[in-house]
PDB file of N, CA and C in Angstrom:
ATOM      1  N   LEU A   1     -25.151 -15.725 -24.564  1.00  0.00           N
ATOM      2  CA  LEU A   1     -26.168 -14.681 -23.521  1.00  0.00           C
ATOM      3  C   LEU A   1     -25.616 -13.587 -24.157  1.00  0.00           C
ATOM      4  N   ASN A   2     -26.614 -12.560 -23.729  1.00  0.00           N
ATOM      5  CA  ASN A   2     -26.497 -11.106 -24.482  1.00  0.00           C
ATOM      6  C   ASN A   2     -26.403 -10.782 -23.047  1.00  0.00           C
ATOM      7  N   PHE A   3     -25.402  -9.882 -23.131  1.00  0.00           N
ATOM      8  CA  PHE A   3     -25.186  -9.360 -21.786  1.00  0.00           C
ATOM      9  C   PHE A   3     -25.420  -7.885 -22.062  1.00  0.00           C
ATOM     10  N   ARG A   4     -26.265  -7.269 -22.494  1.00  0.00           N
ATOM     11  CA  ARG A   4     -27.162  -5.932 -22.016  1.00  0.00           C
ATOM     12  C   ARG A   4     -27.854  -6.024 -20.999  1.00  0.00           C
ATOM     13  N   HIS A   5     -28.853  -7.138 -20.686  1.00  0.00           N
ATOM     14  CA  HIS A   5     -29.865  -7.207 -19.869  1.00  0.00           C
ATOM     15  C   HIS A   5     -29.114  -7.503 -18.596  1.00  0.00           C
ATOM     16  N   LEU A   6     -27.872  -7.345 -18.828  1.00  0.00           N
ATOM     17  CA  LEU A   6     -27.485  -7.202 -16.961  1.00  0.00           C
ATOM     18  C   LEU A   6     -27.363  -6.289 -16.311  1.00  0.00           C
ATOM     19  N   PRO A   7     -27.821  -6.774 -15.618  1.00  0.00           N
ATOM     20  CA  PRO A   7     -27.677  -5.530 -14.778  1.00  0.00           C
ATOM     21  C   PRO A   7     -26.002  -5.049 -14.102  1.00  0.00           C
ATOM     22  N   PRO A   8     -26.505  -3.824 -13.937  1.00  0.00           N
ATOM     23  CA  PRO A   8     -24.970  -3.184 -13.629  1.00  0.00           C
ATOM     24  C   PRO A   8     -23.631  -3.262 -12.740  1.00  0.00           C
ATOM     25  N   ASP A   9     -24.072  -3.831 -11.902  1.00  0.00           N
ATOM     26  CA  ASP A   9     -23.500  -4.802 -10.797  1.00  0.00           C
ATOM     27  C   ASP A   9     -22.859  -6.051 -11.224  1.00  0.00           C
ATOM     28  N   CYS A  10     -23.756  -6.598 -12.151  1.00  0.00           N
ATOM     29  CA  CYS A  10     -23.148  -8.231 -12.733  1.00  0.00           C
ATOM     30  C   CYS A  10     -21.749  -8.141 -14.050  1.00  0.00           C
ATOM     31  N   TRP A  11     -22.430  -6.675 -14.497  1.00  0.00           N
ATOM     32  CA  TRP A  11     -22.066  -6.627 -15.808  1.00  0.00           C
ATOM     33  C   TRP A  11     -20.438  -6.282 -14.915  1.00  0.00           C
ATOM     34  N   GLU A  12     -20.439  -4.888 -14.065  1.00  0.00           N
ATOM     35  CA  GLU A  12     -19.273  -5.211 -13.579  1.00  0.00           C
ATOM     36  C   GLU A  12     -18.452  -5.987 -13.061  1.00  0.00           C
ATOM     37  N   SER A  13     -18.703  -6.941 -12.207  1.00  0.00           N
ATOM     38  CA  SER A  13     -17.987  -7.708 -11.690  1.00  0.00           C
ATOM     39  C   SER A  13     -17.967  -9.629 -12.998  1.00  0.00           C
ATOM     40  N   PHE A  14     -18.966  -9.338 -13.885  1.00  0.00           N
ATOM     41  CA  PHE A  14     -18.355  -9.987 -15.099  1.00  0.00           C
ATOM     42  C   PHE A  14     -16.865  -9.329 -15.671  1.00  0.00           C
ATOM     43  N   CYS A  15     -16.692  -8.378 -16.437  1.00  0.00           N
ATOM     44  CA  CYS A  15     -15.738  -6.797 -16.533  1.00  0.00           C
ATOM     45  C   CYS A  15     -14.320  -7.273 -15.617  1.00  0.00           C
ATOM     46  N   SER A  16     -14.730  -6.940 -15.256  1.00  0.00           N
ATOM     47  CA  SER A  16     -13.039  -6.934 -13.699  1.00  0.00           C
ATOM     48  C   SER A  16     -12.756  -8.688 -13.826  1.00  0.00           C
ATOM     49  N   GLN A  17     -14.366  -9.599 -13.684  1.00  0.00           N
ATOM     50  CA  GLN A  17     -13.408 -10.617 -13.431  1.00  0.00           C
ATOM     51  C   GLN A  17     -12.135 -11.273 -14.567  1.00  0.00           C
ATOM     52  N   PHE A  18     -13.359 -10.654 -15.658  1.00  0.00           N
ATOM     53  CA  PHE A  18     -12.505 -11.391 -17.305  1.00  0.00           C
ATOM     54  C   PHE A  18     -11.553 -10.491 -16.681  1.00  0.00           C
ATOM     55  N   LEU A  19     -11.313  -8.531 -16.793  1.00  0.00           N
ATOM     56  CA  LEU A  19      -9.460  -7.714 -16.390  1.00  0.00           C
ATOM     57  C   LEU A  19      -8.637  -8.743 -16.011  1.00  0.00           C
ATOM     58  N   GLN A  20      -9.056  -9.187 -14.325  1.00  0.00           N
ATOM     59  CA  GLN A  20      -8.255 -10.211 -13.635  1.00  0.00           C
ATOM     60  C   GLN A  20      -7.636 -11.056 -14.439  1.00  0.00           C
ATOM     61  N   ARG A  21      -8.751 -12.378 -15.152  1.00  0.00           N
ATOM     62  CA  ARG A  21      -7.667 -13.236 -15.100  1.00  0.00           C
ATOM     63  C   ARG A  21      -6.759 -13.275 -16.764  1.00  0.00           C
ATOM     64  N   GLN A  22      -7.429 -11.960 -17.282  1.00  0.00           N
ATOM     65  CA  GLN A  22      -6.329 -11.065 -18.332  1.00  0.00           C
ATOM     66  C   GLN A  22      -5.343 -10.753 -17.667  1.00  0.00           C
ATOM     67  N   ARG A  23      -5.177 -10.639 -17.088  1.00  0.00           N
ATOM     68  CA  ARG A  23      -3.599 -10.162 -16.310  1.00  0.00           C
ATOM     69  C   ARG A  23      -2.957 -11.154 -16.065  1.00  0.00           C
ATOM     70  N   VAL A  24      -3.780 -12.065 -15.048  1.00  0.00           N
ATOM     71  CA  VAL A  24      -2.645 -13.630 -14.761  1.00  0.00           C
ATOM     72  C   VAL A  24      -2.462 -13.859 -15.185  1.00  0.00           C
ATOM     73  N   LEU A  25      -2.966 -14.534 -16.838  1.00  0.00           N
ATOM     74  CA  LEU A  25      -2.645 -15.260 -18.044  1.00  0.00           C
ATOM     75  C   LEU A  25      -1.667 -14.422 -17.901  1.00  0.00           C
ATOM     76  N   GLY A  26      -1.798 -13.391 -18.281  1.00  0.00           N
ATOM     77  CA  GLY A  26      -0.186 -12.201 -18.521  1.00  0.00           C
ATOM     78  C   GLY A  26       0.765 -12.641 -18.013  1.00  0.00           C
ATOM     79  N   ILE A  27       0.407 -13.046 -16.733  1.00  0.00           N
ATOM     80  CA  ILE A  27       1.643 -13.011 -16.184  1.00  0.00           C
ATOM     81  C   ILE A  27       2.103 -14.766 -16.303  1.00  0.00           C
ATOM     82  N   TYR A  28       1.174 -15.449 -16.273  1.00  0.00           N
ATOM     83  CA  TYR A  28       1.327 -17.049 -16.303  1.00  0.00           C
ATOM     84  C   TYR A  28       2.479 -17.271 -18.021  1.00  0.00           C
ATOM     85  N   ARG A  29       1.699 -16.179 -18.875  1.00  0.00           N
ATOM     86  CA  ARG A  29       2.559 -16.931 -19.800  1.00  0.00           C
ATOM     87  C   ARG A  29       4.528 -15.870 -19.691  1.00  0.00           C
ATOM     88  N   ASN A  30       4.363 -14.711 -18.747  1.00  0.00           N
ATOM     89  CA  ASN A  30       5.577 -14.310 -19.527  1.00  0.00           C
ATOM     90  C   ASN A  30       6.705 -14.616 -17.773  1.00  0.00           C
ATOM     91  N   MET A  31       5.964 -15.842 -17.333  1.00  0.00           N
ATOM     92  CA  MET A  31       6.739 -16.339 -15.765  1.00  0.00           C
ATOM     93  C   MET A  31       7.052 -17.410 -17.623  1.00  0.00           C
ATOM     94  N   LEU A  32       6.658 -18.316 -17.995  1.00  0.00           N
ATOM     95  CA  LEU A  32       6.745 -19.235 -18.866  1.00  0.00           C
ATOM     96  C   LEU A  32       7.751 -18.819 -20.169  1.00  0.00           C
ATOM     97  N   ARG A  33       8.154 -17.832 -20.512  1.00  0.00           N
ATOM     98  CA  ARG A  33       9.222 -16.914 -21.681  1.00  0.00           C
ATOM     99  C   ARG A  33      10.452 -16.802 -20.113  1.00  0.00           C
ATOM    100  N   THR A  34      10.074 -15.883 -19.100  1.00  0.00           N
ATOM    101  CA  THR A  34      11.175 -15.766 -18.498  1.00  0.00           C
ATOM    102  C   THR A  34      11.977 -17.716 -18.513  1.00  0.00           C
ATOM    103  N   ILE A  35      11.345 -18.348 -17.853  1.00  0.00           N
ATOM    104  CA  ILE A  35      11.707 -19.630 -17.397  1.00  0.00           C
ATOM    105  C   ILE A  35      12.530 -20.434 -18.322  1.00  0.00           C
ATOM    106  N   ARG A  36      12.377 -19.796 -19.987  1.00  0.00           N
ATOM    107  CA  ARG A  36      12.740 -20.847 -21.082  1.00  0.00           C
ATOM    108  C   ARG A  36      13.987 -19.893 -21.763  1.00  0.00           C
ATOM    109  N   GLN A  37      15.029 -19.467 -20.882  1.00  0.00           N
ATOM    110  CA  GLN A  37      15.265 -18.800 -20.657  1.00  0.00           C
ATOM    111  C   GLN A  37      17.000 -18.931 -19.627  1.00  0.00           C
ATOM    112  N   VAL A  38      16.158 -19.667 -18.849  1.00  0.00           N
ATOM    113  CA  VAL A  38      17.431 -20.597 -17.913  1.00  0.00           C
ATOM    114  C   VAL A  38      17.870 -21.560 -18.559  1.00  0.00           C
ATOM    115  N   PRO A  39      19.498 -20.896 -18.664  1.00  0.00           N
ATOM    116  CA  PRO A  39      20.310 -22.579 -19.483  1.00  0.00           C
ATOM    117  C   PRO A  39      19.882 -23.921 -19.567  1.00  0.00           C
ATOM    118  N   ASP A  40      20.376 -23.876 -17.898  1.00  0.00           N
ATOM    119  CA  ASP A  40      19.940 -24.756 -17.171  1.00  0.00           C
ATOM    120  C   ASP A  40      18.936 -26.132 -17.746  1.00  0.00           C
ATOM    121  N   GLU A  41      18.446 -26.507 -17.992  1.00  0.00           N
ATOM    122  CA  GLU A  41      17.501 -27.833 -18.697  1.00  0.00           C
ATOM    123  C   GLU A  41      16.999 -28.097 -17.390  1.00  0.00           C
ATOM    124  N   ALA A  42      17.241 -29.115 -16.465  1.00  0.00           N
ATOM    125  CA  ALA A  42      16.701 -29.058 -15.512  1.00  0.00           C
ATOM    126  C   ALA A  42      15.654 -28.165 -14.578  1.00  0.00           C
ATOM    127  N   ASP A  43      16.817 -27.179 -14.285  1.00  0.00           N
ATOM    128  CA  ASP A  43      16.053 -25.956 -14.141  1.00  0.00           C
ATOM    129  C   ASP A  43      15.255 -25.933 -14.274  1.00  0.00           C
ATOM    130  N   ARG A  44      15.323 -25.553 -15.818  1.00  0.00           N
ATOM    131  CA  ARG A  44      13.881 -24.642 -16.495  1.00  0.00           C
ATOM    132  C   ARG A  44      12.211 -25.249 -16.528  1.00  0.00           C
ATOM    133  N   LYS A  45      12.906 -27.182 -16.473  1.00  0.00           N
ATOM    134  CA  LYS A  45      11.681 -27.597 -16.595  1.00  0.00           C
ATOM    135  C   LYS A  45      11.010 -28.019 -15.101  1.00  0.00           C
ATOM    136  N   TYR A  46      12.232 -27.930 -14.028  1.00  0.00           N
ATOM    137  CA  TYR A  46      11.554 -27.893 -12.874  1.00  0.00           C
ATOM    138  C   TYR A  46      10.731 -26.499 -12.323  1.00  0.00           C
ATOM    139  N   LEU A  47      11.157 -25.576 -12.950  1.00  0.00           N
ATOM    140  CA  LEU A  47      10.906 -23.701 -11.673  1.00  0.00           C
ATOM    141  C   LEU A  47       9.267 -24.427 -13.516  1.00  0.00           C
ATOM    142  N   ALA A  48       9.284 -24.669 -14.561  1.00  0.00           N
ATOM    143  CA  ALA A  48       8.005 -24.479 -15.489  1.00  0.00           C
ATOM    144  C   ALA A  48       6.857 -26.263 -14.720  1.00  0.00           C
ATOM    145  N   ASP A  49       7.652 -26.139 -14.275  1.00  0.00           N
ATOM    146  CA  ASP A  49       6.660 -27.697 -13.383  1.00  0.00           C
ATOM    147  C   ASP A  49       6.097 -26.728 -12.000  1.00  0.00           C
ATOM    148  N   TRP A  50       7.092 -25.921 -11.475  1.00  0.00           N
ATOM    149  CA  TRP A  50       6.629 -25.086 -10.337  1.00  0.00           C
ATOM    150  C   TRP A  50       5.540 -24.604 -10.792  1.00  0.00           C
ATOM    151  N   ALA A  51       5.607 -23.737 -11.712  1.00  0.00           N
ATOM    152  CA  ALA A  51       4.744 -22.668 -11.814  1.00  0.00           C
ATOM    153  C   ALA A  51       3.510 -23.084 -12.483  1.00  0.00           C
ATOM    154  N   ARG A  52       3.411 -23.717 -13.604  1.00  0.00           N
ATOM    155  CA  ARG A  52       1.990 -24.188 -13.620  1.00  0.00           C
ATOM    156  C   ARG A  52       1.367 -25.630 -12.567  1.00  0.00           C
ATOM    157  N   ALA A  53       1.840 -25.944 -11.548  1.00  0.00           N
ATOM    158  CA  ALA A  53       1.227 -26.414 -10.631  1.00  0.00           C
ATOM    159  C   ALA A  53       0.873 -24.814  -9.491  1.00  0.00           C
ATOM    160  N   GLU A  54       1.513 -24.195  -9.370  1.00  0.00           N
ATOM    161  CA  GLU A  54       0.851 -22.687  -8.363  1.00  0.00           C
ATOM    162  C   GLU A  54       0.142 -22.530  -8.840  1.00  0.00           C
ATOM    163  N   PHE A  55       0.592 -22.499 -10.088  1.00  0.00           N
ATOM    164  CA  PHE A  55      -1.169 -21.680 -11.123  1.00  0.00           C
ATOM    165  C   PHE A  55      -2.448 -22.602 -11.307  1.00  0.00           C
ATOM    166  N   LYS A  56      -2.477 -23.831 -11.408  1.00  0.00           N
ATOM    167  CA  LYS A  56      -3.380 -24.635 -10.961  1.00  0.00           C
ATOM    168  C   LYS A  56      -3.802 -24.869  -9.365  1.00  0.00           C
ATOM    169  N   ARG A  57      -2.947 -24.702  -8.797  1.00  0.00           N
ATOM    170  CA  ARG A  57      -3.612 -24.385  -7.170  1.00  0.00           C
ATOM    171  C   ARG A  57      -4.280 -23.682  -7.618  1.00  0.00           C
ATOM    172  N   ASN A  58      -3.784 -22.590  -7.021  1.00  0.00           N
ATOM    173  CA  ASN A  58      -5.093 -21.232  -7.266  1.00  0.00           C
ATOM    174  C   ASN A  58      -5.455 -20.871  -8.673  1.00  0.00           C
ATOM    175  N   LYS A  59      -5.988 -21.085  -8.984  1.00  0.00           N
ATOM    176  CA  LYS A  59      -7.006 -21.168 -10.331  1.00  0.00           C
ATOM    177  C   LYS A  59      -7.843 -21.292  -9.903  1.00  0.00           C
ATOM    178  N   ASP A  60      -8.317 -20.770  -8.681  1.00  0.00           N
ATOM    179  CA  ASP A  60      -9.862 -20.763  -8.885  1.00  0.00           C
ATOM    180  C   ASP A  60     -10.444 -19.962  -7.125  1.00  0.00           C
ATOM    181  N   ALA A  61      -8.603 -18.741  -7.154  1.00  0.00           N
ATOM    182  CA  ALA A  61      -8.574 -17.870  -5.983  1.00  0.00           C
ATOM    183  C   ALA A  61      -9.289 -16.906  -6.409  1.00  0.00           C
ATOM    184  N   THR A  62     -10.126 -15.970  -5.814  1.00  0.00           N
ATOM    185  CA  THR A  62     -10.206 -14.286  -6.367  1.00  0.00           C
ATOM    186  C   THR A  62      -9.942 -13.353  -5.656  1.00  0.00           C
ATOM    187  N   ASN A  63     -10.352 -12.402  -5.642  1.00  0.00           N
ATOM    188  CA  ASN A  63      -9.808 -10.959  -5.096  1.00  0.00           C
ATOM    189  C   ASN A  63     -11.243 -10.870  -4.070  1.00  0.00           C
ATOM    190  N   GLN A  64     -12.452 -11.513  -3.859  1.00  0.00           N
ATOM    191  CA  GLN A  64     -13.689 -11.334  -3.578  1.00  0.00           C
ATOM    192  C   GLN A  64     -13.557 -10.590  -2.111  1.00  0.00           C
ATOM    193  N   VAL A  65     -12.472 -11.870  -1.006  1.00  0.00           N
ATOM    194  CA  VAL A  65     -12.190 -11.559   0.336  1.00  0.00           C
ATOM    195  C   VAL A  65     -11.255  -9.787   0.246  1.00  0.00           C
ATOM    196  N   GLN A  66     -10.293  -9.683  -0.437  1.00  0.00           N
ATOM    197  CA  GLN A  66     -10.651  -7.967  -0.269  1.00  0.00           C
ATOM    198  C   GLN A  66     -11.946  -6.808  -0.876  1.00  0.00           C
ATOM    199  N   ARG A  67     -12.161  -7.781  -1.309  1.00  0.00           N
ATOM    200  CA  ARG A  67     -13.024  -6.600  -2.317  1.00  0.00           C
ATOM    201  C   ARG A  67     -14.382  -6.070  -0.464  1.00  0.00           C
ATOM    202  N   TRP A  68     -14.656  -7.522  -0.188  1.00  0.00           N
ATOM    203  CA  TRP A  68     -15.391  -7.695   0.488  1.00  0.00           C
ATOM    204  C   TRP A  68     -14.752  -6.522   2.218  1.00  0.00           C
ATOM    205  N   GLU A  69     -13.438  -6.683   2.554  1.00  0.00           N
ATOM    206  CA  GLU A  69     -12.753  -5.989   3.585  1.00  0.00           C
ATOM    207  C   GLU A  69     -13.236  -4.729   2.870  1.00  0.00           C
ATOM    208  N   ASP A  70     -13.132  -4.300   1.599  1.00  0.00           N
ATOM    209  CA  ASP A  70     -12.835  -3.096   1.308  1.00  0.00           C
ATOM    210  C   ASP A  70     -14.157  -2.258   1.481  1.00  0.00           C
ATOM    211  N   CYS A  71     -15.676  -3.089   1.780  1.00  0.00           N
ATOM    212  CA  CYS A  71     -17.113  -2.879   1.865  1.00  0.00           C
ATOM    213  C   CYS A  71     -16.960  -2.499   3.288  1.00  0.00           C
ATOM    214  N   VAL A  72     -16.253  -3.756   3.927  1.00  0.00           N
ATOM    215  CA  VAL A  72     -16.843  -3.330   5.654  1.00  0.00           C
ATOM    216  C   VAL A  72     -15.769  -1.605   5.478  1.00  0.00           C
ATOM    217  N   PHE A  73     -15.017  -1.865   5.452  1.00  0.00           N
ATOM    218  CA  PHE A  73     -13.918  -0.354   5.909  1.00  0.00           C
ATOM    219  C   PHE A  73     -14.334   0.905   4.976  1.00  0.00           C
ATOM    220  N   LEU A  74     -15.075   1.016   4.119  1.00  0.00           N
ATOM    221  CA  LEU A  74     -15.425   2.434   3.700  1.00  0.00           C
ATOM    222  C   LEU A  74     -17.215   1.704   4.270  1.00  0.00           C
ATOM    223  N   SER A  75     -18.178   0.647   4.873  1.00  0.00           N
ATOM    224  CA  SER A  75     -19.115   1.306   5.512  1.00  0.00           C
ATOM    225  C   SER A  75     -18.808   1.333   6.755  1.00  0.00           C
ATOM    226  N   ILE A  76     -18.045   1.317   7.505  1.00  0.00           N
ATOM    227  CA  ILE A  76     -17.328   1.957   8.746  1.00  0.00           C
ATOM    228  C   ILE A  76     -16.976   3.036   8.637  1.00  0.00           C
ATOM    229  N   THR A  77     -16.451   4.428   8.059  1.00  0.00           N
ATOM    230  CA  THR A  77     -16.169   5.405   7.524  1.00  0.00           C
ATOM    231  C   THR A  77     -16.760   5.831   7.095  1.00  0.00           C
TER     232      THR A  77
END
């Protein structure tokens, strides 16, 4: 895939999705690092399983609704 031939709107969308994914992965890694510091092993396992399940459950979530609302708001004002 040659990214230079993408229209500007697609390129911006691709970049924003990539950056958003990197932010989310960073949050996930940070959560797991923090969970590793929990002293009780049972609590650690519960929290790690919970975090994993929540991130899997929301893996297809996007901020497209917010972007649409922003566009509508800007077109009204």
